[in-house]
Protein backbone atom coordinates (compact mmCIF):
# COMPACT_ATOMS: atom_id res chain seq x y z
CA MET A 1 12.10 -13.03 -10.63
CA PRO A 2 14.68 -15.71 -9.81
CA LEU A 3 12.82 -18.92 -9.07
CA PHE A 4 15.29 -19.83 -6.33
CA LEU A 5 14.58 -16.64 -4.36
CA THR A 6 10.86 -17.18 -4.82
CA ASN A 7 11.24 -20.65 -3.30
CA VAL A 8 13.25 -19.26 -0.37
CA GLY A 9 10.63 -16.59 0.30
CA ARG A 10 7.78 -19.07 0.12
CA HIS A 11 9.59 -21.41 2.51
CA LEU A 12 10.02 -18.60 5.03
CA TYR A 13 6.37 -17.63 4.73
CA GLN A 14 5.11 -21.20 5.11
CA HIS A 15 7.19 -21.72 8.25
CA ARG A 16 6.88 -18.16 9.64
CA VAL A 17 5.13 -19.21 12.86
CA GLU A 18 7.69 -21.77 13.96
CA ILE A 19 10.55 -19.49 12.87
CA SER A 20 9.03 -16.61 14.84
CA GLN A 21 8.61 -18.79 17.93
CA ALA A 22 12.25 -19.86 17.68
CA ILE A 23 13.36 -16.22 17.37
CA LEU A 24 11.39 -15.26 20.49
CA SER A 25 12.89 -18.17 22.39
CA ARG A 26 16.38 -17.21 21.25
CA ILE A 27 15.96 -13.59 22.30
CA GLY A 28 14.46 -14.53 25.63
CA GLU A 29 17.20 -16.91 26.75
CA ASN A 30 18.56 -15.68 30.05
CA HIS A 31 22.07 -16.93 29.42
CA ARG A 32 22.60 -14.91 26.24
CA PRO A 33 25.52 -12.47 26.57
CA PRO A 34 25.34 -8.83 25.44
CA PRO A 35 24.67 -7.30 23.02
CA ILE A 36 21.95 -9.79 22.11
CA SER A 37 20.24 -9.52 25.49
CA VAL A 38 19.75 -5.80 24.87
CA SER A 39 17.86 -6.59 21.68
CA SER A 40 14.98 -8.15 23.59
CA SER A 41 13.49 -4.67 24.02
CA ALA A 42 12.87 -4.50 20.29
CA PHE A 43 10.49 -7.43 20.35
CA ILE A 44 9.55 -8.17 23.96
CA ASP A 45 7.88 -5.64 26.21
CA PRO A 46 8.68 -6.24 29.89
CA ASP A 47 5.24 -4.88 30.78
CA GLU A 48 3.47 -7.33 28.48
CA PRO A 49 3.20 -11.08 28.81
CA ALA A 50 5.30 -12.98 26.26
CA SER A 51 2.15 -13.66 24.31
CA THR A 52 0.44 -13.23 20.99
CA THR A 53 1.52 -9.56 20.82
CA CYS A 54 5.21 -10.46 20.88
CA LEU A 55 4.73 -13.31 18.44
CA ASP A 56 2.80 -11.04 16.07
CA ARG A 57 5.67 -8.53 16.06
CA VAL A 58 8.24 -11.10 15.11
CA SER A 59 5.93 -12.88 12.69
CA SER A 60 5.29 -9.61 10.85
CA LEU A 61 9.04 -9.15 10.47
CA VAL A 62 9.52 -12.68 9.13
CA GLU A 63 6.59 -12.24 6.74
CA SER A 64 8.00 -8.95 5.46
CA LEU A 65 11.39 -10.58 4.92
CA SER A 66 9.78 -13.47 3.05
CA GLN A 67 7.89 -11.14 0.70
CA ALA A 68 10.98 -9.03 -0.01
CA ILE A 69 12.93 -12.19 -0.89
CA CYS A 70 10.11 -13.53 -3.08
CA VAL A 71 10.24 -10.42 -5.28
CA ALA A 72 14.02 -9.87 -4.96
CA GLU A 73 13.62 -6.36 -3.50
CA PRO A 74 15.64 -5.72 -0.30
CA VAL A 75 14.24 -2.17 -0.17
CA LEU A 76 10.86 -3.57 0.87
CA PHE A 77 12.35 -5.20 3.97
CA SER A 78 14.32 -2.05 4.75
CA ASP A 79 11.15 0.01 4.48
CA PHE A 80 9.36 -2.32 6.89
CA LEU A 81 12.21 -2.01 9.39
CA HIS A 82 12.05 1.80 9.21
CA TRP A 83 8.35 1.64 9.96
CA PHE A 84 8.85 -0.93 12.72
CA SER A 85 11.60 1.16 14.30
CA ASP A 86 9.42 4.29 14.23
CA VAL A 87 6.53 2.47 15.90
CA LEU A 88 8.75 0.95 18.59
CA SER A 89 10.50 4.24 19.37
CA HIS A 90 7.17 6.00 19.91
CA GLN A 91 5.73 3.18 21.99
CA ARG A 92 8.85 2.94 24.14
CA PRO A 93 11.27 5.91 23.96
CA THR A 94 14.09 3.68 25.25
CA ARG A 95 13.87 1.54 22.15
CA ASN A 96 15.80 2.60 19.08
CA ALA A 97 17.15 1.38 15.77
CA ALA A 98 20.22 -0.07 17.51
CA ASP A 99 17.97 -2.41 19.50
CA LEU A 100 16.32 -3.57 16.31
CA ARG A 101 19.67 -4.10 14.60
CA GLU A 102 20.73 -6.29 17.48
CA GLY A 103 17.43 -8.13 17.22
CA LEU A 104 18.27 -8.94 13.63
CA VAL A 105 21.35 -10.75 14.87
CA ALA A 106 19.08 -13.18 16.72
CA VAL A 107 16.93 -13.50 13.60
CA GLU A 108 20.02 -14.35 11.57
CA GLU A 109 21.15 -16.96 14.10
CA VAL A 110 17.78 -18.70 14.08
CA LEU A 111 17.57 -18.71 10.29
CA SER A 112 21.08 -20.15 10.15
CA ALA A 113 19.98 -23.00 12.38
CA LEU A 114 16.62 -23.73 10.76
CA LEU A 115 17.15 -23.16 7.04
CA PRO A 116 19.11 -25.21 4.52
CA ALA A 117 22.52 -23.61 3.97
CA ASN A 118 21.75 -22.31 0.49
CA TYR A 119 18.41 -20.86 1.64
CA PHE A 120 20.10 -19.13 4.59
CA ASP A 121 22.77 -17.65 2.31
CA ALA A 122 20.00 -16.15 0.17
CA THR A 123 18.59 -14.25 3.18
CA LEU A 124 21.89 -12.56 4.08
CA PRO A 125 21.80 -9.71 1.52
CA PHE A 126 18.30 -8.78 2.72
CA LEU A 127 19.26 -8.86 6.40
CA SER A 128 22.41 -6.85 5.65
CA ALA A 129 20.38 -4.27 3.72
CA GLY A 130 18.01 -3.98 6.68
CA ARG A 131 20.82 -3.41 9.16
CA ALA A 132 22.43 -0.86 6.85
CA ALA A 133 19.15 1.01 6.46
CA LEU A 134 18.71 1.20 10.23
CA ARG A 135 22.20 2.66 10.57
CA ASP A 136 21.21 5.62 8.42
CA GLU A 137 19.43 8.55 9.98
CA HIS A 138 17.39 8.96 6.80
CA ARG A 139 16.33 6.57 4.10
CA SER A 140 18.67 6.12 1.22
CA ALA A 141 17.69 7.45 -2.19
CA SER A 142 16.91 3.94 -3.39
CA GLY A 143 14.33 3.44 -0.66
CA LYS A 144 12.82 6.88 -0.49
CA ILE A 145 9.45 7.64 -1.98
CA PRO A 146 9.51 10.76 -4.20
CA ALA A 147 8.97 14.04 -2.39
CA SER A 148 5.45 14.49 -3.74
CA HIS A 149 4.44 11.37 -1.81
CA ASP A 150 6.31 12.14 1.39
CA SER A 151 5.66 15.85 1.73
CA HIS A 152 4.14 17.56 4.76
CA PRO A 153 0.39 18.22 4.70
CA SER A 154 -0.74 21.49 3.15
CA PRO A 155 -2.47 24.17 5.28
CA LEU A 156 -5.85 22.99 3.96
CA ALA A 157 -4.97 19.39 4.82
CA ASP A 158 -3.97 20.54 8.31
CA ARG A 159 -7.29 22.33 8.80
CA TYR A 160 -9.22 19.32 7.56
CA LEU A 161 -7.20 16.98 9.79
CA ILE A 162 -7.63 19.12 12.92
CA ARG A 163 -11.39 19.13 12.46
CA LEU A 164 -11.49 15.40 11.82
CA LEU A 165 -9.46 14.66 14.94
CA ALA A 166 -11.85 16.86 16.90
CA SER A 167 -14.74 14.74 15.53
CA ASP A 168 -16.24 17.90 14.04
CA ARG A 169 -17.86 16.50 10.91
CA ARG A 170 -19.50 19.70 9.77
CA ALA A 171 -16.35 21.77 10.12
CA ALA A 172 -14.31 19.14 8.24
CA ARG A 173 -16.82 19.09 5.41
CA GLU A 174 -16.85 22.87 5.32
CA VAL A 175 -13.11 22.82 4.55
CA ILE A 176 -13.89 20.77 1.44
CA ALA A 177 -16.93 22.90 0.56
CA THR A 178 -14.82 26.05 0.79
CA ALA A 179 -12.22 24.51 -1.51
CA LEU A 180 -14.91 23.65 -4.04
CA ARG A 181 -16.36 27.17 -3.89
CA SER A 182 -12.90 28.52 -4.66
CA ASP A 183 -12.87 26.36 -7.82
CA MET A 184 -10.23 23.92 -6.57
CA PRO A 185 -10.39 20.89 -8.90
CA VAL A 186 -11.53 17.66 -7.30
CA HIS A 187 -8.27 15.89 -8.12
CA GLN A 188 -6.44 18.65 -6.21
CA ILE A 189 -8.75 18.21 -3.23
CA TYR A 190 -7.92 14.52 -3.26
CA MET A 191 -4.17 14.93 -3.68
CA GLU A 192 -3.58 18.01 -1.51
CA ILE A 193 -6.18 17.69 1.26
CA LEU A 194 -7.70 14.25 1.74
CA GLN A 195 -4.71 12.05 0.91
CA PRO A 196 -2.11 13.91 3.04
CA ALA A 197 -4.54 14.16 5.95
CA LEU A 198 -5.27 10.44 5.91
CA ARG A 199 -1.59 9.63 5.62
CA GLU A 200 -0.98 11.67 8.77
CA VAL A 201 -3.87 9.92 10.54
CA GLY A 202 -2.27 6.59 9.67
CA ARG A 203 1.07 7.75 11.05
CA LEU A 204 -0.55 8.97 14.28
CA TRP A 205 -2.30 5.64 14.67
CA GLN A 206 0.90 3.68 14.07
CA VAL A 207 2.72 5.55 16.83
CA GLY A 208 -0.21 5.31 19.23
CA GLN A 209 -1.23 8.97 19.29
CA VAL A 210 -4.76 8.25 18.03
CA GLY A 211 -6.86 5.20 18.74
CA THR A 212 -8.40 2.71 16.36
CA ALA A 213 -11.89 4.20 16.71
CA GLN A 214 -10.59 7.68 15.89
CA GLU A 215 -8.67 6.38 12.88
CA HIS A 216 -11.79 4.60 11.64
CA TYR A 217 -13.85 7.76 12.12
CA CYS A 218 -11.43 9.83 10.04
CA SER A 219 -11.44 7.22 7.28
CA ALA A 220 -15.23 6.87 7.29
CA GLU A 221 -15.79 10.62 7.10
CA THR A 222 -13.34 10.92 4.22
CA CYS A 223 -15.07 8.08 2.40
CA ALA A 224 -18.37 9.93 2.85
CA ILE A 225 -16.89 13.04 1.24
CA ILE A 226 -15.49 11.03 -1.69
CA ALA A 227 -18.87 9.33 -2.13
CA ARG A 228 -20.65 12.70 -2.20
CA LEU A 229 -18.25 14.07 -4.79
CA ALA A 230 -18.60 10.91 -6.88
CA PHE A 231 -22.40 11.05 -6.54
CA ASP A 232 -22.46 14.59 -7.89
CA THR A 233 -20.36 13.45 -10.84
CA ALA A 234 -22.67 10.50 -11.57
CA TRP A 235 -25.74 12.72 -11.66
CA SER A 236 -24.06 15.19 -13.98
CA ALA A 237 -22.81 12.44 -16.33
CA PRO A 238 -25.69 12.74 -18.85
CA LEU A 239 -24.63 16.31 -19.50
CA LEU A 240 -21.22 15.08 -20.56
CA HIS A 241 -22.74 13.24 -23.50
CA GLU A 242 -24.10 16.49 -24.94
CA ARG A 243 -20.80 18.16 -25.58
CA ALA A 244 -17.31 17.15 -26.71
CA PRO A 245 -14.51 17.59 -26.05
CA VAL A 246 -14.83 18.19 -22.31
CA VAL A 247 -12.15 19.36 -19.93
CA ASN A 248 -12.84 18.00 -16.46
CA ASP A 249 -10.27 18.36 -13.69
CA GLY A 250 -7.65 19.11 -16.31
CA VAL A 251 -8.24 15.87 -18.22
CA VAL A 252 -9.53 16.21 -21.78
CA PHE A 253 -11.93 13.56 -23.00
CA SER A 254 -14.58 13.27 -25.68
CA LEU A 255 -17.92 11.52 -25.36
CA HIS A 256 -20.82 11.29 -27.79
CA GLU A 257 -24.32 9.97 -27.16
CA LYS A 258 -23.71 6.71 -29.04
CA GLN A 259 -20.18 6.22 -27.71
CA THR A 260 -19.72 3.66 -24.93
CA PRO A 261 -17.15 4.64 -22.30
CA LYS A 262 -14.22 2.31 -21.79
CA LYS A 263 -14.58 0.01 -18.77
CA PHE A 264 -12.08 0.04 -15.91
CA LEU A 265 -12.22 -2.61 -13.20
CA ALA A 266 -10.79 -1.40 -9.87
CA ALA A 267 -10.04 -3.74 -6.96
CA CYS A 268 -7.92 -4.08 -3.86
CA VAL A 269 -6.31 -7.50 -3.83
CA ALA A 270 -7.12 -10.22 -1.30
CA GLY A 271 -6.15 -9.17 2.21
CA GLU A 272 -5.94 -5.47 1.32
CA PHE A 273 -8.51 -3.38 3.21
CA HIS A 274 -7.08 0.10 2.53
CA ASP A 275 -9.31 1.16 -0.34
CA ILE A 276 -9.63 4.94 -0.02
CA GLY A 277 -6.90 5.64 -2.57
CA LEU A 278 -8.66 3.30 -4.98
CA ARG A 279 -11.95 5.14 -4.37
CA MET A 280 -10.28 8.40 -5.36
CA THR A 281 -8.85 6.75 -8.46
CA ALA A 282 -12.26 5.38 -9.44
CA ASP A 283 -13.86 8.81 -9.10
CA LEU A 284 -11.22 10.57 -11.18
CA LEU A 285 -11.54 7.92 -13.87
CA GLU A 286 -15.31 8.45 -13.94
CA ARG A 287 -14.70 12.18 -14.31
CA ALA A 288 -12.44 11.43 -17.26
CA GLY A 289 -15.19 9.50 -19.03
CA TRP A 290 -14.50 5.93 -17.92
CA ASN A 291 -17.14 3.42 -16.84
CA VAL A 292 -15.61 2.15 -13.60
CA HIS A 293 -16.55 -1.22 -12.14
CA TYR A 294 -15.44 -0.76 -8.53
CA LEU A 295 -15.02 -3.96 -6.50
CA GLY A 296 -13.48 -2.40 -3.38
CA ALA A 297 -11.39 -4.01 -0.67
CA ASN A 298 -10.20 -7.59 -0.18
CA THR A 299 -11.20 -9.04 -3.57
CA PRO A 300 -10.18 -12.64 -4.34
CA ALA A 301 -8.07 -13.20 -7.43
CA ASP A 302 -10.58 -15.46 -9.19
CA ALA A 303 -13.37 -12.93 -8.62
CA ILE A 304 -11.28 -10.18 -10.21
CA ALA A 305 -10.63 -12.30 -13.30
CA ALA A 306 -14.25 -13.40 -13.57
CA GLU A 307 -15.56 -9.84 -13.36
CA ALA A 308 -13.01 -8.57 -15.87
CA ALA A 309 -14.10 -11.26 -18.33
CA LEU A 310 -17.82 -10.78 -17.69
CA HIS A 311 -17.81 -7.03 -18.26
CA GLY A 312 -15.36 -6.79 -21.15
CA THR A 313 -12.99 -4.68 -19.11
CA ALA A 314 -10.51 -2.53 -21.02
CA ILE A 315 -8.13 -2.19 -18.04
CA VAL A 316 -7.82 -3.93 -14.67
CA GLY A 317 -6.52 -1.77 -11.80
CA LEU A 318 -5.10 -3.46 -8.70
CA SER A 319 -4.17 -1.79 -5.42
CA ALA A 320 -1.90 -3.00 -2.60
CA THR A 321 -0.54 -0.72 0.10
CA LEU A 322 1.58 -3.30 1.94
CA SER A 323 4.41 -5.46 0.68
CA THR A 324 2.85 -8.41 2.51
CA HIS A 325 0.06 -8.31 -0.07
CA LEU A 326 2.32 -8.67 -3.09
CA ASN A 327 1.58 -12.39 -3.26
CA SER A 328 -2.10 -11.49 -3.63
CA VAL A 329 -1.18 -9.07 -6.43
CA ALA A 330 0.71 -11.84 -8.21
CA GLN A 331 -2.22 -14.24 -7.81
CA ALA A 332 -4.68 -11.69 -9.21
CA ILE A 333 -2.45 -10.99 -12.20
CA ARG A 334 -2.04 -14.70 -12.91
CA ALA A 335 -5.81 -15.22 -12.66
CA VAL A 336 -6.50 -12.45 -15.18
CA ARG A 337 -3.75 -13.60 -17.54
CA ARG A 338 -4.97 -17.21 -17.49
CA HIS A 339 -8.61 -16.37 -18.22
CA PRO A 340 -9.33 -16.88 -21.93
CA ALA A 341 -11.68 -13.89 -22.09
CA CYS A 342 -9.35 -11.30 -20.57
CA GLY A 343 -5.83 -12.71 -20.78
CA GLN A 344 -4.55 -9.78 -22.87
CA THR A 345 -6.19 -7.04 -20.78
CA PRO A 346 -3.72 -4.38 -19.59
CA ILE A 347 -3.21 -4.43 -15.82
CA LEU A 348 -2.39 -1.27 -13.88
CA VAL A 349 -1.01 -1.57 -10.34
CA GLY A 350 -0.53 0.96 -7.57
CA GLY A 351 0.44 1.27 -3.92
CA ARG A 352 3.46 1.85 -1.73
CA PRO A 353 5.46 -1.25 -2.76
CA PHE A 354 5.41 -0.09 -6.37
CA LEU A 355 6.57 3.39 -5.42
CA LEU A 356 9.51 1.89 -3.57
CA ALA A 357 10.34 -0.64 -6.28
CA PRO A 358 8.85 0.32 -9.67
CA ALA A 359 10.41 -2.71 -11.37
CA LEU A 360 7.99 -4.90 -9.40
CA ALA A 361 5.21 -4.21 -11.87
CA ASP A 362 7.05 -5.87 -14.72
CA ARG A 363 8.27 -8.73 -12.54
CA LEU A 364 4.72 -9.54 -11.42
CA GLY A 365 3.35 -9.34 -14.94
CA ALA A 366 1.56 -5.99 -14.74
CA SER A 367 1.47 -3.55 -17.65
CA ALA A 368 2.25 -0.34 -15.75
CA ILE A 369 2.19 1.38 -12.36
CA ALA A 370 0.33 4.47 -11.20
CA ARG A 371 2.01 6.81 -8.73
CA ASP A 372 -1.32 8.18 -7.50
CA ALA A 373 -4.97 8.62 -8.51
CA ARG A 374 -4.26 11.47 -10.91
CA HIS A 375 -1.46 9.55 -12.60
CA ALA A 376 -3.73 6.50 -12.91
CA VAL A 377 -6.02 8.42 -15.26
CA GLU A 378 -3.12 9.40 -17.49
CA VAL A 379 -1.67 5.90 -17.58
CA ALA A 380 -5.07 4.29 -18.24
CA GLN A 381 -5.62 6.53 -21.24
CA PHE A 382 -2.15 5.72 -22.51
CA LEU A 383 -2.66 1.97 -22.10
CA VAL A 384 -5.93 2.02 -24.01
CA GLY A 385 -4.33 4.05 -26.79
CA ALA A 386 -1.37 1.66 -26.95
CA ALA A 387 -3.68 -1.36 -27.08
CA HIS A 388 -5.47 0.03 -30.12
CA SER A 389 -2.45 1.39 -31.95
C-alpha cells in the first residue's frame, strides 16, 4: 500500500472527532445556500437533538473514509455509503441518496479547510467514487459481492427466519432437525439456511424493522444450533480415527490413530464482535479433521500471535466483517509475522471487506482469503499442502 495514502488515512482517523464536529457545524449553518442546506437531512434529524447520535453518524462516515484511504480501496467507502443510504432511507423516507451526495459536498469543504493541500487532494478520488456510486441505482460490478453472497434466502432459510422472528425456538430448531433428517450436509445447512437468515436479520435491524433484543435473540439461537452441531461432531471424533479416508460433508480427509490433526487458530480481530461466521468455519474445519483453537470475538493482536506460537498453529484464520476493523487485521498480521515462533505461519483472512476487495489480503500481508466457511476448509488444506511441498 502507498505509504502516503496510509499516512493520510491515519491522519483522518486520528482527527475524526474534530473533523466530524466541523462537518456538523458546516451543515447546520443557517446561512448556507441550497443545495447544501438540503443535505442536512442526511446527517441531522430535525426530531433529534444535535447530539451524540448526529456526531456518531458523521464520525462513522469519516472513519470509513479513513480506512478506505489507508488500504487504497475506494470501493470500501462506496460500500459504506450504500449501506448508510439504505439505513437513512428506511429511517426517514424523505431522505435519499441525493441528500447524502449533497452532504458529501459539505464533507469535502471541511476537509479542504482542515487538511494540508496534498492530504486533501488524496481524498478526492475516494469522495468522487462515493458520489458516483450513489448516483447508480445498483452497485457497480467492481463493488458488488458475487451472487452467491448476495442472493435471496432459500425457502428453508425463510422458514427458519420466520420462526426465529416469532421467538419460536422449538419450531426454528425443528427446521434444522428436518434438514438433518433429510441428509442435508451440515455445510449446506450453514450456507443455505443459517447464514442467509442471519444476513436478513442484520438487514432488518439496520433499517429498524427489528429491535436490538430481537436481533440478539436470533443470533443467540443460531449460535446454540451451531454449538449443538459442533458438539455432536466432537463426540463422534474418536470414530474418525478408526477409518481412513473419510468423506465428511463432501470433504475428504484421512486420519490414523497416531496421526495428530493440523492445528488451526481462529479469531475475530480486535473490535470485531460478529463471530458466527467464524464459528461455522471452525466447525467445518473440525469436521474436515483439523484441531481448531477457537478464540472467538474481539481478540487482541498480541494474544493471537502468542496463542499461535504456543500451540504450534499450522494456519491462523482472521475474521473482520467491517472495513473499520481492517486496521485491527493489519495489526494482528504484523504481530504474527513478527513473532519468532510463528512468523512463517500462513494467515487466512475472511469477511466482507475481502469479498469487496480481494487484493486487500496481499496488501495486508495475509496468505489467502476465504469467501465463506466452506471455502475456508478448501483453502486451509491447500495452504498446508503448499507449505510442505
